[in-house]
Amino acid sequence: MRPFPLKQVRLGWHDAGTYNKNIEEWPLRGGANGNLRFEIELKQTLSSQSSFSGLVNALKLLQPINDKYSGVTYADLFQLASATAMEEAGGSKFPMKYGRVDVSEPEQCPEEGRLPGK
């Protein structure tokens, strides 16, 4: 897998990986909600996973797409970029469903430590 597509896959993983099925209230339950666009979330991710520092570059690549298509949520865009990167790298094609809702402010980001494996 080429390095840049890997960053897009990681972007999708980090945005969705905080999901907790035992928490019913949104956005507290986490999941793919576009939270990685906030500085506080990036700092938490980058401080705990130094190998993911390329996420900033992945976000910069996607920003013009979000600017042009303002009706597309960051949550959908991050997941689409991840699925497309896997497909472009020779992986499976993933069926996509759209309609994810973005968190609207940094205070809605999940607390630090929610990614599995920490």
PDB file of N, CA and C in Angstrom:
ATOM      1  N   MET A   1       0.859  -1.175   0.000  1.00  0.00           N
ATOM      2  CA  MET A   1       0.000   0.000   0.000  1.00  0.00           C
ATOM      3  C   MET A   1       0.902   1.233   0.000  1.00  0.00           C
ATOM      4  N   ARG A   2       0.586   2.174  -0.867  1.00  0.00           N
ATOM      5  CA  ARG A   2       1.368   3.411  -0.926  1.00  0.00           C
ATOM      6  C   ARG A   2       1.137   4.227   0.349  1.00  0.00           C
ATOM      7  N   PRO A   3       2.136   5.052   0.755  1.00  0.00           N
ATOM      8  CA  PRO A   3       2.025   5.785   2.025  1.00  0.00           C
ATOM      9  C   PRO A   3       0.811   6.695   2.142  1.00  0.00           C
ATOM     10  N   PHE A   4       0.493   7.467   1.094  1.00  0.00           N
ATOM     11  CA  PHE A   4      -0.608   8.414   1.276  1.00  0.00           C
ATOM     12  C   PHE A   4      -1.948   7.718   1.460  1.00  0.00           C
ATOM     13  N   PRO A   5      -2.273   6.706   0.643  1.00  0.00           N
ATOM     14  CA  PRO A   5      -3.548   6.026   0.900  1.00  0.00           C
ATOM     15  C   PRO A   5      -3.622   5.451   2.313  1.00  0.00           C
ATOM     16  N   LEU A   6      -2.519   5.029   2.843  1.00  0.00           N
ATOM     17  CA  LEU A   6      -2.520   4.509   4.201  1.00  0.00           C
ATOM     18  C   LEU A   6      -2.959   5.594   5.184  1.00  0.00           C
ATOM     19  N   LYS A   7      -2.552   6.815   4.950  1.00  0.00           N
ATOM     20  CA  LYS A   7      -2.968   7.926   5.822  1.00  0.00           C
ATOM     21  C   LYS A   7      -4.473   8.155   5.730  1.00  0.00           C
ATOM     22  N   GLN A   8      -5.038   7.979   4.549  1.00  0.00           N
ATOM     23  CA  GLN A   8      -6.485   8.140   4.406  1.00  0.00           C
ATOM     24  C   GLN A   8      -7.227   7.027   5.142  1.00  0.00           C
ATOM     25  N   VAL A   9      -6.677   5.815   5.095  1.00  0.00           N
ATOM     26  CA  VAL A   9      -7.291   4.705   5.821  1.00  0.00           C
ATOM     27  C   VAL A   9      -7.236   4.993   7.321  1.00  0.00           C
ATOM     28  N   ARG A  10      -6.109   5.481   7.782  1.00  0.00           N
ATOM     29  CA  ARG A  10      -5.970   5.809   9.203  1.00  0.00           C
ATOM     30  C   ARG A  10      -6.907   6.937   9.609  1.00  0.00           C
ATOM     31  N   LEU A  11      -7.113   7.877   8.718  1.00  0.00           N
ATOM     32  CA  LEU A  11      -8.044   8.971   8.996  1.00  0.00           C
ATOM     33  C   LEU A  11      -9.448   8.414   9.252  1.00  0.00           C
ATOM     34  N   GLY A  12      -9.899   7.531   8.375  1.00  0.00           N
ATOM     35  CA  GLY A  12     -11.211   6.917   8.562  1.00  0.00           C
ATOM     36  C   GLY A  12     -11.282   6.092   9.836  1.00  0.00           C
ATOM     37  N   TRP A  13     -10.207   5.350  10.107  1.00  0.00           N
ATOM     38  CA  TRP A  13     -10.173   4.515  11.324  1.00  0.00           C
ATOM     39  C   TRP A  13     -10.246   5.377  12.577  1.00  0.00           C
ATOM     40  N   HIS A  14      -9.422   6.412  12.645  1.00  0.00           N
ATOM     41  CA  HIS A  14      -9.400   7.247  13.846  1.00  0.00           C
ATOM     42  C   HIS A  14     -10.700   8.004  14.044  1.00  0.00           C
ATOM     43  N   ASP A  15     -11.357   8.367  12.950  1.00  0.00           N
ATOM     44  CA  ASP A  15     -12.631   9.065  13.106  1.00  0.00           C
ATOM     45  C   ASP A  15     -13.716   8.115  13.608  1.00  0.00           C
ATOM     46  N   ALA A  16     -13.694   6.872  13.157  1.00  0.00           N
ATOM     47  CA  ALA A  16     -14.745   5.913  13.531  1.00  0.00           C
ATOM     48  C   ALA A  16     -14.403   5.091  14.768  1.00  0.00           C
ATOM     49  N   GLY A  17     -13.123   4.973  15.082  1.00  0.00           N
ATOM     50  CA  GLY A  17     -12.673   4.016  16.098  1.00  0.00           C
ATOM     51  C   GLY A  17     -13.078   4.310  17.524  1.00  0.00           C
ATOM     52  N   THR A  18     -13.630   5.464  17.791  1.00  0.00           N
ATOM     53  CA  THR A  18     -14.029   5.807  19.160  1.00  0.00           C
ATOM     54  C   THR A  18     -15.450   5.362  19.493  1.00  0.00           C
ATOM     55  N   TYR A  19     -16.116   4.694  18.565  1.00  0.00           N
ATOM     56  CA  TYR A  19     -17.504   4.290  18.771  1.00  0.00           C
ATOM     57  C   TYR A  19     -17.636   3.371  19.988  1.00  0.00           C
ATOM     58  N   ASN A  20     -18.626   3.637  20.816  1.00  0.00           N
ATOM     59  CA  ASN A  20     -18.910   2.808  21.984  1.00  0.00           C
ATOM     60  C   ASN A  20     -20.395   2.475  21.975  1.00  0.00           C
ATOM     61  N   LYS A  21     -20.717   1.217  21.663  1.00  0.00           N
ATOM     62  CA  LYS A  21     -22.124   0.813  21.545  1.00  0.00           C
ATOM     63  C   LYS A  21     -22.875   0.898  22.864  1.00  0.00           C
ATOM     64  N   ASN A  22     -22.162   0.971  23.984  1.00  0.00           N
ATOM     65  CA  ASN A  22     -22.812   1.028  25.294  1.00  0.00           C
ATOM     66  C   ASN A  22     -23.244   2.437  25.694  1.00  0.00           C
ATOM     67  N   ILE A  23     -22.892   3.421  24.893  1.00  0.00           N
ATOM     68  CA  ILE A  23     -23.302   4.803  25.151  1.00  0.00           C
ATOM     69  C   ILE A  23     -24.371   5.149  24.126  1.00  0.00           C
ATOM     70  N   GLU A  24     -25.546   5.472  24.594  1.00  0.00           N
ATOM     71  CA  GLU A  24     -26.661   5.714  23.671  1.00  0.00           C
ATOM     72  C   GLU A  24     -26.707   7.134  23.123  1.00  0.00           C
ATOM     73  N   GLU A  25     -26.254   8.096  23.893  1.00  0.00           N
ATOM     74  CA  GLU A  25     -26.397   9.496  23.502  1.00  0.00           C
ATOM     75  C   GLU A  25     -25.348   9.902  22.470  1.00  0.00           C
ATOM     76  N   TRP A  26     -25.827  10.508  21.385  1.00  0.00           N
ATOM     77  CA  TRP A  26     -24.919  11.074  20.387  1.00  0.00           C
ATOM     78  C   TRP A  26     -24.671  12.521  20.777  1.00  0.00           C
ATOM     79  N   PRO A  27     -23.491  13.033  20.698  1.00  0.00           N
ATOM     80  CA  PRO A  27     -22.283  12.469  20.103  1.00  0.00           C
ATOM     81  C   PRO A  27     -21.373  11.750  21.102  1.00  0.00           C
ATOM     82  N   LEU A  28     -21.819  11.588  22.329  1.00  0.00           N
ATOM     83  CA  LEU A  28     -20.956  10.978  23.342  1.00  0.00           C
ATOM     84  C   LEU A  28     -20.510   9.575  22.966  1.00  0.00           C
ATOM     85  N   ARG A  29     -21.298   8.859  22.175  1.00  0.00           N
ATOM     86  CA  ARG A  29     -20.926   7.479  21.837  1.00  0.00           C
ATOM     87  C   ARG A  29     -19.781   7.409  20.839  1.00  0.00           C
ATOM     88  N   GLY A  30     -19.389   8.538  20.253  1.00  0.00           N
ATOM     89  CA  GLY A  30     -18.255   8.549  19.326  1.00  0.00           C
ATOM     90  C   GLY A  30     -18.635   7.990  17.974  1.00  0.00           C
ATOM     91  N   GLY A  31     -17.650   7.455  17.297  1.00  0.00           N
ATOM     92  CA  GLY A  31     -17.875   6.909  15.961  1.00  0.00           C
ATOM     93  C   GLY A  31     -17.500   7.903  14.883  1.00  0.00           C
ATOM     94  N   ALA A  32     -17.856   7.580  13.663  1.00  0.00           N
ATOM     95  CA  ALA A  32     -17.521   8.424  12.508  1.00  0.00           C
ATOM     96  C   ALA A  32     -18.366   9.685  12.553  1.00  0.00           C
ATOM     97  N   ASN A  33     -17.802  10.742  13.114  1.00  0.00           N
ATOM     98  CA  ASN A  33     -18.555  11.983  13.294  1.00  0.00           C
ATOM     99  C   ASN A  33     -17.766  13.236  12.904  1.00  0.00           C
ATOM    100  N   GLY A  34     -16.663  13.049  12.176  1.00  0.00           N
ATOM    101  CA  GLY A  34     -15.891  14.192  11.690  1.00  0.00           C
ATOM    102  C   GLY A  34     -15.077  14.908  12.749  1.00  0.00           C
ATOM    103  N   ASN A  35     -14.870  14.275  13.904  1.00  0.00           N
ATOM    104  CA  ASN A  35     -14.200  14.956  15.012  1.00  0.00           C
ATOM    105  C   ASN A  35     -12.726  15.248  14.769  1.00  0.00           C
ATOM    106  N   LEU A  36     -12.096  14.545  13.854  1.00  0.00           N
ATOM    107  CA  LEU A  36     -10.658  14.747  13.645  1.00  0.00           C
ATOM    108  C   LEU A  36     -10.310  16.101  13.043  1.00  0.00           C
ATOM    109  N   ARG A  37     -11.267  16.855  12.615  1.00  0.00           N
ATOM    110  CA  ARG A  37     -10.948  18.176  12.065  1.00  0.00           C
ATOM    111  C   ARG A  37     -10.660  19.197  13.148  1.00  0.00           C
ATOM    112  N   PHE A  38     -10.936  18.851  14.401  1.00  0.00           N
ATOM    113  CA  PHE A  38     -10.685  19.769  15.507  1.00  0.00           C
ATOM    114  C   PHE A  38      -9.288  19.556  16.083  1.00  0.00           C
ATOM    115  N   GLU A  39      -8.634  20.652  16.388  1.00  0.00           N
ATOM    116  CA  GLU A  39      -7.255  20.606  16.872  1.00  0.00           C
ATOM    117  C   GLU A  39      -7.094  19.742  18.123  1.00  0.00           C
ATOM    118  N   ILE A  40      -8.020  19.821  19.046  1.00  0.00           N
ATOM    119  CA  ILE A  40      -7.891  19.048  20.282  1.00  0.00           C
ATOM    120  C   ILE A  40      -7.878  17.542  19.993  1.00  0.00           C
ATOM    121  N   GLU A  41      -8.693  17.120  19.055  1.00  0.00           N
ATOM    122  CA  GLU A  41      -8.751  15.696  18.701  1.00  0.00           C
ATOM    123  C   GLU A  41      -7.473  15.275  17.992  1.00  0.00           C
ATOM    124  N   LEU A  42      -6.976  16.108  17.103  1.00  0.00           N
ATOM    125  CA  LEU A  42      -5.711  15.802  16.421  1.00  0.00           C
ATOM    126  C   LEU A  42      -4.563  15.715  17.412  1.00  0.00           C
ATOM    127  N   LYS A  43      -4.513  16.637  18.354  1.00  0.00           N
ATOM    128  CA  LYS A  43      -3.432  16.618  19.350  1.00  0.00           C
ATOM    129  C   LYS A  43      -3.483  15.340  20.177  1.00  0.00           C
ATOM    130  N   GLN A  44      -4.675  14.907  20.573  1.00  0.00           N
ATOM    131  CA  GLN A  44      -4.799  13.669  21.344  1.00  0.00           C
ATOM    132  C   GLN A  44      -4.349  12.482  20.509  1.00  0.00           C
ATOM    133  N   THR A  45      -4.767  12.440  19.267  1.00  0.00           N
ATOM    134  CA  THR A  45      -4.404  11.336  18.382  1.00  0.00           C
ATOM    135  C   THR A  45      -2.908  11.341  18.116  1.00  0.00           C
ATOM    136  N   LEU A  46      -2.365  12.506  17.811  1.00  0.00           N
ATOM    137  CA  LEU A  46      -0.946  12.587  17.477  1.00  0.00           C
ATOM    138  C   LEU A  46      -0.058  12.335  18.684  1.00  0.00           C
ATOM    139  N   SER A  47      -0.479  12.761  19.866  1.00  0.00           N
ATOM    140  CA  SER A  47       0.363  12.555  21.046  1.00  0.00           C
ATOM    141  C   SER A  47       0.393  11.094  21.458  1.00  0.00           C
ATOM    142  N   SER A  48      -0.669  10.362  21.175  1.00  0.00           N
ATOM    143  CA  SER A  48      -0.711   8.964  21.584  1.00  0.00           C
ATOM    144  C   SER A  48      -0.252   8.025  20.474  1.00  0.00           C
ATOM    145  N   GLN A  49      -0.245   8.480  19.249  1.00  0.00           N
ATOM    146  CA  GLN A  49       0.121   7.634  18.109  1.00  0.00           C
ATOM    147  C   GLN A  49       1.025   8.435  17.176  1.00  0.00           C
ATOM    148  N   SER A  50       2.303   8.533  17.501  1.00  0.00           N
ATOM    149  CA  SER A  50       3.195   9.377  16.709  1.00  0.00           C
ATOM    150  C   SER A  50       3.267   8.944  15.253  1.00  0.00           C
ATOM    151  N   SER A  51       3.009   7.668  14.969  1.00  0.00           N
ATOM    152  CA  SER A  51       3.058   7.203  13.586  1.00  0.00           C
ATOM    153  C   SER A  51       1.906   7.751  12.755  1.00  0.00           C
ATOM    154  N   PHE A  52       0.939   8.394  13.368  1.00  0.00           N
ATOM    155  CA  PHE A  52      -0.210   8.911  12.646  1.00  0.00           C
ATOM    156  C   PHE A  52      -0.094  10.405  12.360  1.00  0.00           C
ATOM    157  N   SER A  53       1.105  10.939  12.440  1.00  0.00           N
ATOM    158  CA  SER A  53       1.272  12.374  12.220  1.00  0.00           C
ATOM    159  C   SER A  53       0.877  12.785  10.804  1.00  0.00           C
ATOM    160  N   GLY A  54       0.817  11.863   9.869  1.00  0.00           N
ATOM    161  CA  GLY A  54       0.411  12.175   8.504  1.00  0.00           C
ATOM    162  C   GLY A  54      -1.061  12.507   8.368  1.00  0.00           C
ATOM    163  N   LEU A  55      -1.808  12.371   9.448  1.00  0.00           N
ATOM    164  CA  LEU A  55      -3.234  12.692   9.388  1.00  0.00           C
ATOM    165  C   LEU A  55      -3.468  14.156   9.030  1.00  0.00           C
ATOM    166  N   VAL A  56      -2.592  15.028   9.476  1.00  0.00           N
ATOM    167  CA  VAL A  56      -2.743  16.451   9.155  1.00  0.00           C
ATOM    168  C   VAL A  56      -2.685  16.650   7.647  1.00  0.00           C
ATOM    169  N   ASN A  57      -1.755  15.966   6.985  1.00  0.00           N
ATOM    170  CA  ASN A  57      -1.654  16.083   5.526  1.00  0.00           C
ATOM    171  C   ASN A  57      -2.878  15.496   4.838  1.00  0.00           C
ATOM    172  N   ALA A  58      -3.400  14.401   5.364  1.00  0.00           N
ATOM    173  CA  ALA A  58      -4.613  13.803   4.796  1.00  0.00           C
ATOM    174  C   ALA A  58      -5.782  14.779   4.922  1.00  0.00           C
ATOM    175  N   LEU A  59      -5.885  15.444   6.063  1.00  0.00           N
ATOM    176  CA  LEU A  59      -6.953  16.437   6.256  1.00  0.00           C
ATOM    177  C   LEU A  59      -6.808  17.603   5.283  1.00  0.00           C
ATOM    178  N   LYS A  60      -5.569  18.050   5.071  1.00  0.00           N
ATOM    179  CA  LYS A  60      -5.331  19.169   4.149  1.00  0.00           C
ATOM    180  C   LYS A  60      -5.742  18.804   2.732  1.00  0.00           C
ATOM    181  N   LEU A  61      -5.553  17.556   2.352  1.00  0.00           N
ATOM    182  CA  LEU A  61      -5.936  17.123   1.017  1.00  0.00           C
ATOM    183  C   LEU A  61      -7.458  17.134   0.850  1.00  0.00           C
ATOM    184  N   LEU A  62      -8.168  16.783   1.898  1.00  0.00           N
ATOM    185  CA  LEU A  62      -9.624  16.694   1.823  1.00  0.00           C
ATOM    186  C   LEU A  62     -10.334  18.040   2.006  1.00  0.00           C
ATOM    187  N   GLN A  63      -9.669  19.018   2.585  1.00  0.00           N
ATOM    188  CA  GLN A  63     -10.316  20.301   2.855  1.00  0.00           C
ATOM    189  C   GLN A  63     -10.896  20.969   1.617  1.00  0.00           C
ATOM    190  N   PRO A  64     -10.157  21.018   0.494  1.00  0.00           N
ATOM    191  CA  PRO A  64     -10.745  21.656  -0.696  1.00  0.00           C
ATOM    192  C   PRO A  64     -11.999  20.928  -1.201  1.00  0.00           C
ATOM    193  N   ILE A  65     -12.059  19.626  -1.003  1.00  0.00           N
ATOM    194  CA  ILE A  65     -13.247  18.865  -1.411  1.00  0.00           C
ATOM    195  C   ILE A  65     -14.428  19.278  -0.538  1.00  0.00           C
ATOM    196  N   ASN A  66     -14.178  19.385   0.770  1.00  0.00           N
ATOM    197  CA  ASN A  66     -15.248  19.801   1.664  1.00  0.00           C
ATOM    198  C   ASN A  66     -15.678  21.236   1.376  1.00  0.00           C
ATOM    199  N   ASP A  67     -14.717  22.091   1.056  1.00  0.00           N
ATOM    200  CA  ASP A  67     -15.045  23.481   0.725  1.00  0.00           C
ATOM    201  C   ASP A  67     -15.941  23.552  -0.519  1.00  0.00           C
ATOM    202  N   LYS A  68     -15.648  22.727  -1.507  1.00  0.00           N
ATOM    203  CA  LYS A  68     -16.404  22.743  -2.758  1.00  0.00           C
ATOM    204  C   LYS A  68     -17.783  22.110  -2.593  1.00  0.00           C
ATOM    205  N   TYR A  69     -17.865  21.058  -1.797  1.00  0.00           N
ATOM    206  CA  TYR A  69     -19.126  20.329  -1.613  1.00  0.00           C
ATOM    207  C   TYR A  69     -19.554  20.445  -0.154  1.00  0.00           C
ATOM    208  N   SER A  70     -20.029  21.590   0.216  1.00  0.00           N
ATOM    209  CA  SER A  70     -20.335  21.875   1.622  1.00  0.00           C
ATOM    210  C   SER A  70     -21.463  21.014   2.185  1.00  0.00           C
ATOM    211  N   GLY A  71     -22.237  20.380   1.335  1.00  0.00           N
ATOM    212  CA  GLY A  71     -23.309  19.505   1.805  1.00  0.00           C
ATOM    213  C   GLY A  71     -22.818  18.130   2.249  1.00  0.00           C
ATOM    214  N   VAL A  72     -21.565  17.834   1.962  1.00  0.00           N
ATOM    215  CA  VAL A  72     -20.975  16.552   2.360  1.00  0.00           C
ATOM    216  C   VAL A  72     -20.343  16.740   3.733  1.00  0.00           C
ATOM    217  N   THR A  73     -20.696  15.884   4.675  1.00  0.00           N
ATOM    218  CA  THR A  73     -20.127  16.014   6.014  1.00  0.00           C
ATOM    219  C   THR A  73     -18.683  15.521   6.033  1.00  0.00           C
ATOM    220  N   TYR A  74     -17.926  16.014   6.987  1.00  0.00           N
ATOM    221  CA  TYR A  74     -16.568  15.516   7.186  1.00  0.00           C
ATOM    222  C   TYR A  74     -16.597  14.024   7.506  1.00  0.00           C
ATOM    223  N   ALA A  75     -17.567  13.595   8.292  1.00  0.00           N
ATOM    224  CA  ALA A  75     -17.664  12.184   8.664  1.00  0.00           C
ATOM    225  C   ALA A  75     -17.802  11.312   7.415  1.00  0.00           C
ATOM    226  N   ASP A  76     -18.677  11.689   6.495  1.00  0.00           N
ATOM    227  CA  ASP A  76     -18.823  10.932   5.251  1.00  0.00           C
ATOM    228  C   ASP A  76     -17.562  11.026   4.399  1.00  0.00           C
ATOM    229  N   LEU A  77     -16.986  12.208   4.325  1.00  0.00           N
ATOM    230  CA  LEU A  77     -15.789  12.414   3.513  1.00  0.00           C
ATOM    231  C   LEU A  77     -14.618  11.578   4.023  1.00  0.00           C
ATOM    232  N   PHE A  78     -14.413  11.536   5.333  1.00  0.00           N
ATOM    233  CA  PHE A  78     -13.321  10.741   5.903  1.00  0.00           C
ATOM    234  C   PHE A  78     -13.509   9.256   5.600  1.00  0.00           C
ATOM    235  N   GLN A  79     -14.753   8.770   5.717  1.00  0.00           N
ATOM    236  CA  GLN A  79     -15.006   7.350   5.461  1.00  0.00           C
ATOM    237  C   GLN A  79     -14.893   7.031   3.972  1.00  0.00           C
ATOM    238  N   LEU A  80     -15.355   7.933   3.125  1.00  0.00           N
ATOM    239  CA  LEU A  80     -15.220   7.741   1.684  1.00  0.00           C
ATOM    240  C   LEU A  80     -13.747   7.722   1.278  1.00  0.00           C
ATOM    241  N   ALA A  81     -12.953   8.642   1.820  1.00  0.00           N
ATOM    242  CA  ALA A  81     -11.525   8.684   1.511  1.00  0.00           C
ATOM    243  C   ALA A  81     -10.841   7.394   1.949  1.00  0.00           C
ATOM    244  N   SER A  82     -11.204   6.877   3.092  1.00  0.00           N
ATOM    245  CA  SER A  82     -10.617   5.637   3.590  1.00  0.00           C
ATOM    246  C   SER A  82     -10.977   4.462   2.687  1.00  0.00           C
ATOM    247  N   ALA A  83     -12.249   4.327   2.353  1.00  0.00           N
ATOM    248  CA  ALA A  83     -12.688   3.219   1.500  1.00  0.00           C
ATOM    249  C   ALA A  83     -12.070   3.317   0.104  1.00  0.00           C
ATOM    250  N   THR A  84     -11.985   4.521  -0.437  1.00  0.00           N
ATOM    251  CA  THR A  84     -11.395   4.724  -1.760  1.00  0.00           C
ATOM    252  C   THR A  84      -9.911   4.382  -1.743  1.00  0.00           C
ATOM    253  N   ALA A  85      -9.211   4.782  -0.687  1.00  0.00           N
ATOM    254  CA  ALA A  85      -7.782   4.475  -0.573  1.00  0.00           C
ATOM    255  C   ALA A  85      -7.549   2.968  -0.531  1.00  0.00           C
ATOM    256  N   MET A  86      -8.388   2.248   0.203  1.00  0.00           N
ATOM    257  CA  MET A  86      -8.228   0.787   0.259  1.00  0.00           C
ATOM    258  C   MET A  86      -8.471   0.161  -1.109  1.00  0.00           C
ATOM    259  N   GLU A  87      -9.482   0.642  -1.794  1.00  0.00           N
ATOM    260  CA  GLU A  87      -9.781   0.116  -3.123  1.00  0.00           C
ATOM    261  C   GLU A  87      -8.650   0.433  -4.104  1.00  0.00           C
ATOM    262  N   GLU A  88      -8.147   1.673  -4.083  1.00  0.00           N
ATOM    263  CA  GLU A  88      -7.064   2.082  -4.976  1.00  0.00           C
ATOM    264  C   GLU A  88      -5.771   1.321  -4.709  1.00  0.00           C
ATOM    265  N   ALA A  89      -5.593   0.856  -3.499  1.00  0.00           N
ATOM    266  CA  ALA A  89      -4.391   0.100  -3.143  1.00  0.00           C
ATOM    267  C   ALA A  89      -4.540  -1.389  -3.458  1.00  0.00           C
ATOM    268  N   GLY A  90      -5.656  -1.766  -4.078  1.00  0.00           N
ATOM    269  CA  GLY A  90      -5.848  -3.151  -4.466  1.00  0.00           C
ATOM    270  C   GLY A  90      -6.753  -3.948  -3.542  1.00  0.00           C
ATOM    271  N   GLY A  91      -7.341  -3.278  -2.576  1.00  0.00           N
ATOM    272  CA  GLY A  91      -8.233  -3.961  -1.647  1.00  0.00           C
ATOM    273  C   GLY A  91      -9.650  -4.062  -2.188  1.00  0.00           C
ATOM    274  N   SER A  92     -10.508  -4.526  -1.341  1.00  0.00           N
ATOM    275  CA  SER A  92     -11.914  -4.708  -1.710  1.00  0.00           C
ATOM    276  C   SER A  92     -12.619  -3.373  -1.902  1.00  0.00           C
ATOM    277  N   LYS A  93     -13.690  -3.412  -2.671  1.00  0.00           N
ATOM    278  CA  LYS A  93     -14.560  -2.241  -2.815  1.00  0.00           C
ATOM    279  C   LYS A  93     -15.599  -2.322  -1.699  1.00  0.00           C
ATOM    280  N   PHE A  94     -15.752  -1.241  -0.970  1.00  0.00           N
ATOM    281  CA  PHE A  94     -16.689  -1.208   0.149  1.00  0.00           C
ATOM    282  C   PHE A  94     -17.954  -0.469  -0.256  1.00  0.00           C
ATOM    283  N   PRO A  95     -19.113  -1.063  -0.012  1.00  0.00           N
ATOM    284  CA  PRO A  95     -20.350  -0.319  -0.275  1.00  0.00           C
ATOM    285  C   PRO A  95     -20.452   0.829   0.722  1.00  0.00           C
ATOM    286  N   MET A  96     -20.804   1.977   0.230  1.00  0.00           N
ATOM    287  CA  MET A  96     -20.883   3.159   1.095  1.00  0.00           C
ATOM    288  C   MET A  96     -22.323   3.555   1.340  1.00  0.00           C
ATOM    289  N   LYS A  97     -22.574   4.001   2.551  1.00  0.00           N
ATOM    290  CA  LYS A  97     -23.845   4.617   2.911  1.00  0.00           C
ATOM    291  C   LYS A  97     -23.507   5.995   3.450  1.00  0.00           C
ATOM    292  N   TYR A  98     -24.300   6.971   3.086  1.00  0.00           N
ATOM    293  CA  TYR A  98     -24.019   8.346   3.474  1.00  0.00           C
ATOM    294  C   TYR A  98     -25.103   8.879   4.397  1.00  0.00           C
ATOM    295  N   GLY A  99     -24.775   9.951   5.078  1.00  0.00           N
ATOM    296  CA  GLY A  99     -25.736  10.575   5.988  1.00  0.00           C
ATOM    297  C   GLY A  99     -25.200  10.712   7.403  1.00  0.00           C
ATOM    298  N   ARG A 100     -23.889  10.491   7.574  1.00  0.00           N
ATOM    299  CA  ARG A 100     -23.299  10.673   8.898  1.00  0.00           C
ATOM    300  C   ARG A 100     -23.393  12.144   9.290  1.00  0.00           C
ATOM    301  N   VAL A 101     -23.486  12.378  10.575  1.00  0.00           N
ATOM    302  CA  VAL A 101     -23.616  13.739  11.093  1.00  0.00           C
ATOM    303  C   VAL A 101     -22.297  14.139  11.743  1.00  0.00           C
ATOM    304  N   ASP A 102     -21.848  15.342  11.454  1.00  0.00           N
ATOM    305  CA  ASP A 102     -20.625  15.869  12.076  1.00  0.00           C
ATOM    306  C   ASP A 102     -20.908  16.440  13.454  1.00  0.00           C
ATOM    307  N   VAL A 103     -19.943  16.280  14.356  1.00  0.00           N
ATOM    308  CA  VAL A 103     -20.010  17.054  15.588  1.00  0.00           C
ATOM    309  C   VAL A 103     -19.761  18.508  15.184  1.00  0.00           C
ATOM    310  N   SER A 104     -20.305  19.436  15.941  1.00  0.00           N
ATOM    311  CA  SER A 104     -20.222  20.840  15.530  1.00  0.00           C
ATOM    312  C   SER A 104     -19.195  21.649  16.293  1.00  0.00           C
ATOM    313  N   GLU A 105     -18.654  21.081  17.374  1.00  0.00           N
ATOM    314  CA  GLU A 105     -17.666  21.820  18.171  1.00  0.00           C
ATOM    315  C   GLU A 105     -16.736  20.830  18.884  1.00  0.00           C
ATOM    316  N   PRO A 106     -15.545  21.291  19.239  1.00  0.00           N
ATOM    317  CA  PRO A 106     -14.559  20.404  19.866  1.00  0.00           C
ATOM    318  C   PRO A 106     -15.052  19.753  21.162  1.00  0.00           C
ATOM    319  N   GLU A 107     -15.934  20.423  21.868  1.00  0.00           N
ATOM    320  CA  GLU A 107     -16.426  19.870  23.132  1.00  0.00           C
ATOM    321  C   GLU A 107     -17.246  18.595  22.924  1.00  0.00           C
ATOM    322  N   GLN A 108     -17.650  18.324  21.707  1.00  0.00           N
ATOM    323  CA  GLN A 108     -18.424  17.118  21.412  1.00  0.00           C
ATOM    324  C   GLN A 108     -17.547  15.917  21.051  1.00  0.00           C
ATOM    325  N   CYS A 109     -16.239  16.116  20.994  1.00  0.00           N
ATOM    326  CA  CYS A 109     -15.330  15.016  20.678  1.00  0.00           C
ATOM    327  C   CYS A 109     -15.295  14.016  21.836  1.00  0.00           C
ATOM    328  N   PRO A 110     -15.138  12.722  21.537  1.00  0.00           N
ATOM    329  CA  PRO A 110     -15.034  11.727  22.604  1.00  0.00           C
ATOM    330  C   PRO A 110     -13.806  11.992  23.477  1.00  0.00           C
ATOM    331  N   GLU A 111     -13.890  11.537  24.719  1.00  0.00           N
ATOM    332  CA  GLU A 111     -12.753  11.736  25.617  1.00  0.00           C
ATOM    333  C   GLU A 111     -11.546  10.932  25.128  1.00  0.00           C
ATOM    334  N   GLU A 112     -10.372  11.370  25.513  1.00  0.00           N
ATOM    335  CA  GLU A 112      -9.141  10.717  25.122  1.00  0.00           C
ATOM    336  C   GLU A 112      -9.110   9.286  25.661  1.00  0.00           C
ATOM    337  N   GLY A 113      -8.510   8.392  24.889  1.00  0.00           N
ATOM    338  CA  GLY A 113      -8.341   7.021  25.331  1.00  0.00           C
ATOM    339  C   GLY A 113      -9.407   6.053  24.837  1.00  0.00           C
ATOM    340  N   ARG A 114     -10.263   6.471  23.933  1.00  0.00           N
ATOM    341  CA  ARG A 114     -11.350   5.611  23.470  1.00  0.00           C
ATOM    342  C   ARG A 114     -10.968   4.687  22.321  1.00  0.00           C
ATOM    343  N   LEU A 115      -9.851   4.930  21.654  1.00  0.00           N
ATOM    344  CA  LEU A 115      -9.481   4.044  20.561  1.00  0.00           C
ATOM    345  C   LEU A 115      -9.071   2.690  21.118  1.00  0.00           C
ATOM    346  N   PRO A 116      -9.508   1.601  20.502  1.00  0.00           N
ATOM    347  CA  PRO A 116      -9.098   0.265  20.961  1.00  0.00           C
ATOM    348  C   PRO A 116      -7.582   0.119  20.917  1.00  0.00           C
ATOM    349  N   GLY A 117      -7.068  -0.666  21.823  1.00  0.00           N
ATOM    350  CA  GLY A 117      -5.643  -0.943  21.842  1.00  0.00           C
ATOM    351  C   GLY A 117      -4.841   0.018  22.678  1.00  0.00           C
ATOM    352  N   LYS A 118      -5.497   0.957  23.315  1.00  0.00           N
ATOM    353  CA  LYS A 118      -4.763   1.909  24.168  1.00  0.00           C
ATOM    354  C   LYS A 118      -4.709   1.384  25.575  1.00  0.00           C
TER     355      LYS A 118
END
